[in-house]
Amino acid sequence: MRKISFLRQLVTQLALALIGFFVILPIWGMLRLAFDGSIIDKATEFRWVPKVWSFDAFLHVLQAPYQSVGFQALLKNSLLVSVSAALIAILFGVSLAYAFARFRFPGRQIGLFGLLLAAILPPVAFMTPLYIILSLMHIRTTLWALVIAYAVFAMPFCIWNMRAAFQAVPKEIEEAAFLDGANDFTSFILVTLPLALPSIAVAGLIAFLMAYSEFALGWLFVERSDTLTLAMTIYGMVQSQSFVQSWNLIGSLAIIMSIPVVIIFLIFQRTLLDRMMFGVSGE
């Protein structure tokens, strides 16, 4: 194994420490705001630690953080929308991902390019067509509108990720199933799908996180406070000028909202890091 010089190692460690500092600093600032009971409206001075430690902001947020809407209702909306959007993106995308991974057909390259382009587009690019379609369906102001919008936003990424998972399954395994009398559908359900299931689950988790943290697209469809999600609530609190201790509430709600995400990452961190890359093999 090649040795690294002391100077290069020192520079590398300093660079990583600097990057880590800029990553941790906003998180620490949010924690300080959430626990600082001395802040009446907005922070007026820089502090590393809270001046007065307090949990009042957390207690307030857990009751009614925004427009008298209970925290449980907001959490329920967020989980319902995120889980439903992830399931729809996976269920509707798995067959298309398998087709792109295993078959050669006219327009395949154009379709792959379109999926890649859609995966890197910002949510604002989907606003106008979704607004028109969901208005014609008369569901624009419901939670189902958010589910469909977030599923559309997450589906290109899920298809691309699942396509890479199907490409990683050797074709010889499917051919062996064909020799045993299995047809295309049986081979897909009983052989290919179980082998690709870990990567599919990761794609679903990423779709869940994308929907769970999105707020800009959601405000286009929400007209009632009882259809807000936690991410949209934080944005609404930032824009509002009528909240006492608003910075405390924003910080505490952001911390509480991040707990499910942290738990998911701690459980699946190894799988996420191993499988969260786009697959480009098999072209």
Protein backbone atom coordinates (compact mmCIF):
# COMPACT_ATOMS: atom_id res chain seq x y z
CA MET A 1 0.00 0.00 0.00
CA ARG A 2 1.39 3.38 -1.05
CA LYS A 3 2.40 5.67 1.81
CA ILE A 4 1.06 9.21 2.00
CA SER A 5 3.44 11.98 2.92
CA PHE A 6 2.93 13.78 6.22
CA LEU A 7 2.27 17.13 4.52
CA ARG A 8 -0.34 15.69 2.18
CA GLN A 9 -2.04 13.86 5.03
CA LEU A 10 -2.06 17.05 7.12
CA VAL A 11 -3.58 19.10 4.29
CA THR A 12 -6.20 16.40 3.68
CA GLN A 13 -7.17 16.24 7.35
CA LEU A 14 -7.40 20.03 7.59
CA ALA A 15 -9.58 20.19 4.47
CA LEU A 16 -11.89 17.49 5.83
CA ALA A 17 -12.07 19.25 9.19
CA LEU A 18 -12.98 22.52 7.45
CA ILE A 19 -15.71 20.81 5.42
CA GLY A 20 -17.01 19.10 8.57
CA PHE A 21 -17.08 22.44 10.38
CA PHE A 22 -19.25 24.04 7.69
CA VAL A 23 -21.57 21.01 7.77
CA ILE A 24 -21.92 20.95 11.55
CA LEU A 25 -22.18 24.74 12.07
CA PRO A 26 -25.76 25.13 10.71
CA ILE A 27 -26.89 22.10 12.71
CA TRP A 28 -25.37 23.49 15.89
CA GLY A 29 -26.93 26.89 15.18
CA MET A 30 -30.34 25.28 14.84
CA LEU A 31 -29.85 23.40 18.12
CA ARG A 32 -28.80 26.58 19.88
CA LEU A 33 -31.88 28.44 18.63
CA ALA A 34 -34.21 25.65 19.68
CA PHE A 35 -32.91 25.46 23.26
CA ASP A 36 -32.30 29.18 23.90
CA GLY A 37 -35.22 30.49 25.95
CA SER A 38 -33.81 34.03 26.01
CA ILE A 39 -34.78 34.66 22.38
CA ILE A 40 -38.05 36.59 22.28
CA ASP A 41 -38.44 37.00 18.54
CA LYS A 42 -35.20 36.77 16.59
CA ALA A 43 -31.62 36.24 17.68
CA THR A 44 -29.86 39.57 18.11
CA GLU A 45 -26.39 38.34 19.00
CA PHE A 46 -24.09 35.47 18.15
CA ARG A 47 -23.70 32.78 20.79
CA TRP A 48 -22.16 29.33 20.76
CA VAL A 49 -24.39 28.04 23.56
CA PRO A 50 -27.90 29.03 24.68
CA LYS A 51 -28.05 31.88 27.17
CA VAL A 52 -31.06 30.34 28.95
CA TRP A 53 -31.70 26.64 28.46
CA SER A 54 -35.38 25.93 27.85
CA PHE A 55 -37.66 23.24 26.36
CA ASP A 56 -40.65 25.58 26.00
CA ALA A 57 -40.30 25.81 22.22
CA PHE A 58 -40.45 22.01 21.89
CA LEU A 59 -43.55 21.84 24.09
CA HIS A 60 -45.24 24.54 22.05
CA VAL A 61 -44.38 22.87 18.75
CA LEU A 62 -45.70 19.50 19.92
CA GLN A 63 -49.08 21.13 20.62
CA ALA A 64 -49.88 23.46 17.71
CA PRO A 65 -46.86 24.71 15.78
CA TYR A 66 -48.70 26.59 13.00
CA GLN A 67 -52.17 28.14 12.57
CA SER A 68 -53.66 26.04 15.41
CA VAL A 69 -52.90 22.83 13.50
CA GLY A 70 -51.76 20.07 15.83
CA PHE A 71 -48.35 18.48 15.43
CA GLN A 72 -49.88 15.02 15.13
CA ALA A 73 -51.96 16.12 12.13
CA LEU A 74 -48.90 17.62 10.44
CA LEU A 75 -46.83 14.51 11.09
CA LYS A 76 -49.66 12.31 9.82
CA ASN A 77 -49.89 14.36 6.60
CA SER A 78 -46.13 14.19 6.07
CA LEU A 79 -45.91 10.44 6.59
CA LEU A 80 -49.04 9.72 4.54
CA VAL A 81 -47.86 11.81 1.60
CA SER A 82 -44.24 10.61 1.72
CA VAL A 83 -44.97 6.90 2.11
CA SER A 84 -47.72 6.95 -0.55
CA ALA A 85 -45.54 8.85 -3.02
CA ALA A 86 -42.66 6.43 -2.49
CA LEU A 87 -44.89 3.38 -2.98
CA ILE A 88 -46.42 4.80 -6.17
CA ALA A 89 -43.00 5.70 -7.57
CA ILE A 90 -41.72 2.18 -6.88
CA LEU A 91 -44.82 0.25 -8.05
CA PHE A 92 -45.20 2.19 -11.29
CA GLY A 93 -41.48 2.46 -11.95
CA VAL A 94 -40.32 -1.10 -11.36
CA SER A 95 -41.67 -2.52 -14.64
CA LEU A 96 -40.26 0.35 -16.68
CA ALA A 97 -36.90 0.01 -14.95
CA TYR A 98 -36.82 -3.71 -15.77
CA ALA A 99 -37.70 -3.01 -19.40
CA PHE A 100 -34.86 -0.49 -19.74
CA ALA A 101 -32.44 -2.93 -18.07
CA ARG A 102 -33.25 -6.09 -20.03
CA PHE A 103 -34.76 -5.21 -23.41
CA ARG A 104 -33.59 -3.32 -26.47
CA PHE A 105 -36.32 -1.40 -28.28
CA PRO A 106 -36.67 1.71 -30.47
CA GLY A 107 -36.42 4.92 -28.50
CA ARG A 108 -34.65 3.29 -25.56
CA GLN A 109 -31.75 5.73 -25.50
CA ILE A 110 -34.06 8.70 -25.87
CA GLY A 111 -36.18 7.38 -23.02
CA LEU A 112 -33.13 6.95 -20.79
CA PHE A 113 -31.99 10.48 -21.58
CA GLY A 114 -35.48 11.79 -20.79
CA LEU A 115 -35.47 9.99 -17.43
CA LEU A 116 -32.03 11.35 -16.59
CA LEU A 117 -33.10 14.86 -17.56
CA ALA A 118 -36.25 14.58 -15.45
CA ALA A 119 -34.21 13.26 -12.49
CA ILE A 120 -32.01 16.36 -12.39
CA LEU A 121 -34.74 18.93 -13.00
CA PRO A 122 -35.81 21.02 -9.98
CA PRO A 123 -39.36 20.58 -8.63
CA VAL A 124 -40.41 23.94 -10.07
CA ALA A 125 -40.17 22.45 -13.57
CA PHE A 126 -43.15 20.18 -12.79
CA MET A 127 -45.39 22.92 -11.38
CA THR A 128 -47.30 24.11 -14.44
CA PRO A 129 -48.25 20.74 -15.99
CA LEU A 130 -49.15 19.25 -12.60
CA TYR A 131 -51.26 22.28 -11.71
CA ILE A 132 -53.25 21.98 -14.93
CA ILE A 133 -53.69 18.19 -14.77
CA LEU A 134 -54.64 18.04 -11.10
CA SER A 135 -57.04 20.98 -11.51
CA LEU A 136 -58.79 19.14 -14.34
CA MET A 137 -59.02 16.09 -12.06
CA HIS A 138 -60.53 18.29 -9.29
CA ILE A 139 -58.07 17.04 -6.67
CA ARG A 140 -55.54 19.88 -6.70
CA THR A 141 -56.20 21.04 -3.14
CA THR A 142 -56.20 17.58 -1.54
CA LEU A 143 -53.44 15.46 -0.08
CA TRP A 144 -53.70 13.19 -3.11
CA ALA A 145 -52.40 16.07 -5.22
CA LEU A 146 -49.27 16.16 -3.07
CA VAL A 147 -48.92 12.38 -3.34
CA ILE A 148 -49.11 12.46 -7.14
CA ALA A 149 -46.82 15.48 -7.42
CA TYR A 150 -44.13 13.97 -5.21
CA ALA A 151 -44.45 10.57 -6.93
CA VAL A 152 -43.89 12.24 -10.30
CA PHE A 153 -40.90 14.09 -8.90
CA ALA A 154 -39.33 10.93 -7.43
CA MET A 155 -40.16 8.41 -10.17
CA PRO A 156 -37.32 9.26 -12.62
CA PHE A 157 -34.72 8.76 -9.89
CA CYS A 158 -36.37 5.52 -8.76
CA ILE A 159 -36.51 4.13 -12.30
CA TRP A 160 -32.87 4.95 -12.95
CA ASN A 161 -31.77 3.45 -9.65
CA MET A 162 -33.87 0.29 -10.04
CA ARG A 163 -32.64 -0.13 -13.60
CA ALA A 164 -29.09 -0.33 -12.25
CA ALA A 165 -30.25 -2.94 -9.72
CA PHE A 166 -31.80 -5.13 -12.43
CA GLN A 167 -28.68 -4.81 -14.55
CA ALA A 168 -26.63 -6.14 -11.66
CA VAL A 169 -28.65 -9.39 -11.65
CA PRO A 170 -26.90 -11.87 -14.00
CA LYS A 171 -28.97 -12.89 -17.01
CA GLU A 172 -27.78 -16.47 -16.55
CA ILE A 173 -29.99 -16.76 -13.46
CA GLU A 174 -33.06 -15.81 -15.46
CA GLU A 175 -32.06 -18.17 -18.27
CA ALA A 176 -31.78 -21.00 -15.75
CA ALA A 177 -35.31 -20.20 -14.60
CA PHE A 178 -36.50 -20.34 -18.22
CA LEU A 179 -34.97 -23.81 -18.56
CA ASP A 180 -36.96 -24.89 -15.50
CA GLY A 181 -40.18 -23.87 -17.21
CA ALA A 182 -40.67 -20.33 -15.86
CA ASN A 183 -42.10 -17.63 -18.14
CA ASP A 184 -41.02 -13.99 -18.23
CA PHE A 185 -43.41 -12.88 -15.50
CA THR A 186 -42.61 -15.77 -13.15
CA SER A 187 -38.88 -15.28 -13.64
CA PHE A 188 -39.21 -11.58 -12.86
CA ILE A 189 -41.33 -12.08 -9.73
CA LEU A 190 -39.55 -15.10 -8.24
CA VAL A 191 -35.94 -14.60 -9.38
CA THR A 192 -35.00 -11.08 -10.47
CA LEU A 193 -37.15 -9.01 -8.13
CA PRO A 194 -35.99 -10.67 -4.86
CA LEU A 195 -32.33 -10.23 -5.86
CA ALA A 196 -32.83 -6.54 -6.66
CA LEU A 197 -35.06 -5.89 -3.65
CA PRO A 198 -32.37 -4.22 -1.47
CA SER A 199 -31.65 -1.58 -4.12
CA ILE A 200 -35.36 -1.12 -4.76
CA ALA A 201 -35.89 -0.55 -1.04
CA VAL A 202 -33.15 2.10 -1.05
CA ALA A 203 -34.80 3.82 -4.03
CA GLY A 204 -38.04 3.84 -2.06
CA LEU A 205 -36.29 5.36 0.97
CA ILE A 206 -34.78 8.12 -1.15
CA ALA A 207 -38.20 8.81 -2.69
CA PHE A 208 -39.64 8.99 0.83
CA LEU A 209 -36.99 11.48 1.93
CA MET A 210 -37.49 13.61 -1.19
CA ALA A 211 -41.22 13.90 -0.50
CA TYR A 212 -40.74 14.29 3.26
CA SER A 213 -38.45 17.32 2.92
CA GLU A 214 -40.01 19.08 -0.10
CA PHE A 215 -42.00 22.27 0.48
CA ALA A 216 -41.79 24.56 -2.58
CA LEU A 217 -43.87 22.37 -4.88
CA GLY A 218 -46.42 21.58 -2.18
CA TRP A 219 -47.45 25.19 -1.63
CA LEU A 220 -48.85 25.27 -5.18
CA PHE A 221 -51.54 22.75 -4.24
CA VAL A 222 -52.31 23.48 -0.57
CA GLU A 223 -55.09 25.92 0.29
CA ARG A 224 -56.12 24.64 3.75
CA SER A 225 -54.02 24.44 6.87
CA ASP A 226 -55.17 20.88 7.58
CA THR A 227 -53.37 19.65 4.44
CA LEU A 228 -49.96 21.08 5.38
CA THR A 229 -46.90 18.92 5.90
CA LEU A 230 -44.07 19.52 8.35
CA ALA A 231 -41.72 20.85 5.67
CA MET A 232 -44.32 23.35 4.44
CA THR A 233 -45.04 24.33 8.04
CA ILE A 234 -41.41 25.31 8.62
CA TYR A 235 -41.46 27.41 5.46
CA GLY A 236 -44.70 29.04 6.54
CA MET A 237 -43.22 29.88 9.93
CA VAL A 238 -40.19 31.47 8.26
CA GLN A 239 -42.42 33.68 6.12
CA SER A 240 -44.81 34.59 8.95
CA GLN A 241 -44.26 37.67 11.09
CA SER A 242 -46.86 36.90 13.78
CA PHE A 243 -45.10 34.27 15.88
CA VAL A 244 -43.68 34.92 19.33
CA GLN A 245 -40.29 33.22 19.67
CA SER A 246 -40.52 32.29 16.01
CA TRP A 247 -36.86 31.35 15.72
CA ASN A 248 -37.17 29.00 18.68
CA LEU A 249 -40.18 27.34 17.12
CA ILE A 250 -38.52 26.99 13.74
CA GLY A 251 -35.41 25.43 15.26
CA SER A 252 -37.31 23.03 17.49
CA LEU A 253 -39.68 21.93 14.73
CA ALA A 254 -36.76 21.37 12.34
CA ILE A 255 -35.06 19.18 14.95
CA ILE A 256 -38.20 17.15 15.61
CA MET A 257 -38.83 16.77 11.87
CA SER A 258 -35.29 15.50 11.29
CA ILE A 259 -35.57 12.69 13.87
CA PRO A 260 -37.29 10.18 11.51
CA VAL A 261 -34.71 10.94 8.82
CA VAL A 262 -31.82 10.39 11.22
CA ILE A 263 -33.34 7.11 12.43
CA ILE A 264 -33.79 5.87 8.86
CA PHE A 265 -30.21 6.77 7.97
CA LEU A 266 -28.77 5.09 11.07
CA ILE A 267 -30.66 1.90 10.25
CA PHE A 268 -29.85 1.81 6.55
CA GLN A 269 -26.62 3.81 6.37
CA ARG A 270 -24.43 1.00 5.02
CA THR A 271 -26.95 -0.01 2.38
CA LEU A 272 -27.58 3.60 1.42
CA LEU A 273 -23.89 4.35 0.93
CA ASP A 274 -23.32 1.15 -1.03
CA ARG A 275 -26.29 1.45 -3.37
CA MET A 276 -27.10 5.14 -3.73
CA MET A 277 -25.06 5.61 -6.91
CA PHE A 278 -26.56 5.79 -10.39
CA GLY A 279 -25.87 2.68 -12.44
CA VAL A 280 -24.36 3.13 -15.86
CA SER A 281 -23.35 -0.42 -16.67
CA GLY A 282 -24.97 -2.59 -19.23
CA GLU A 283 -25.13 0.05 -21.97
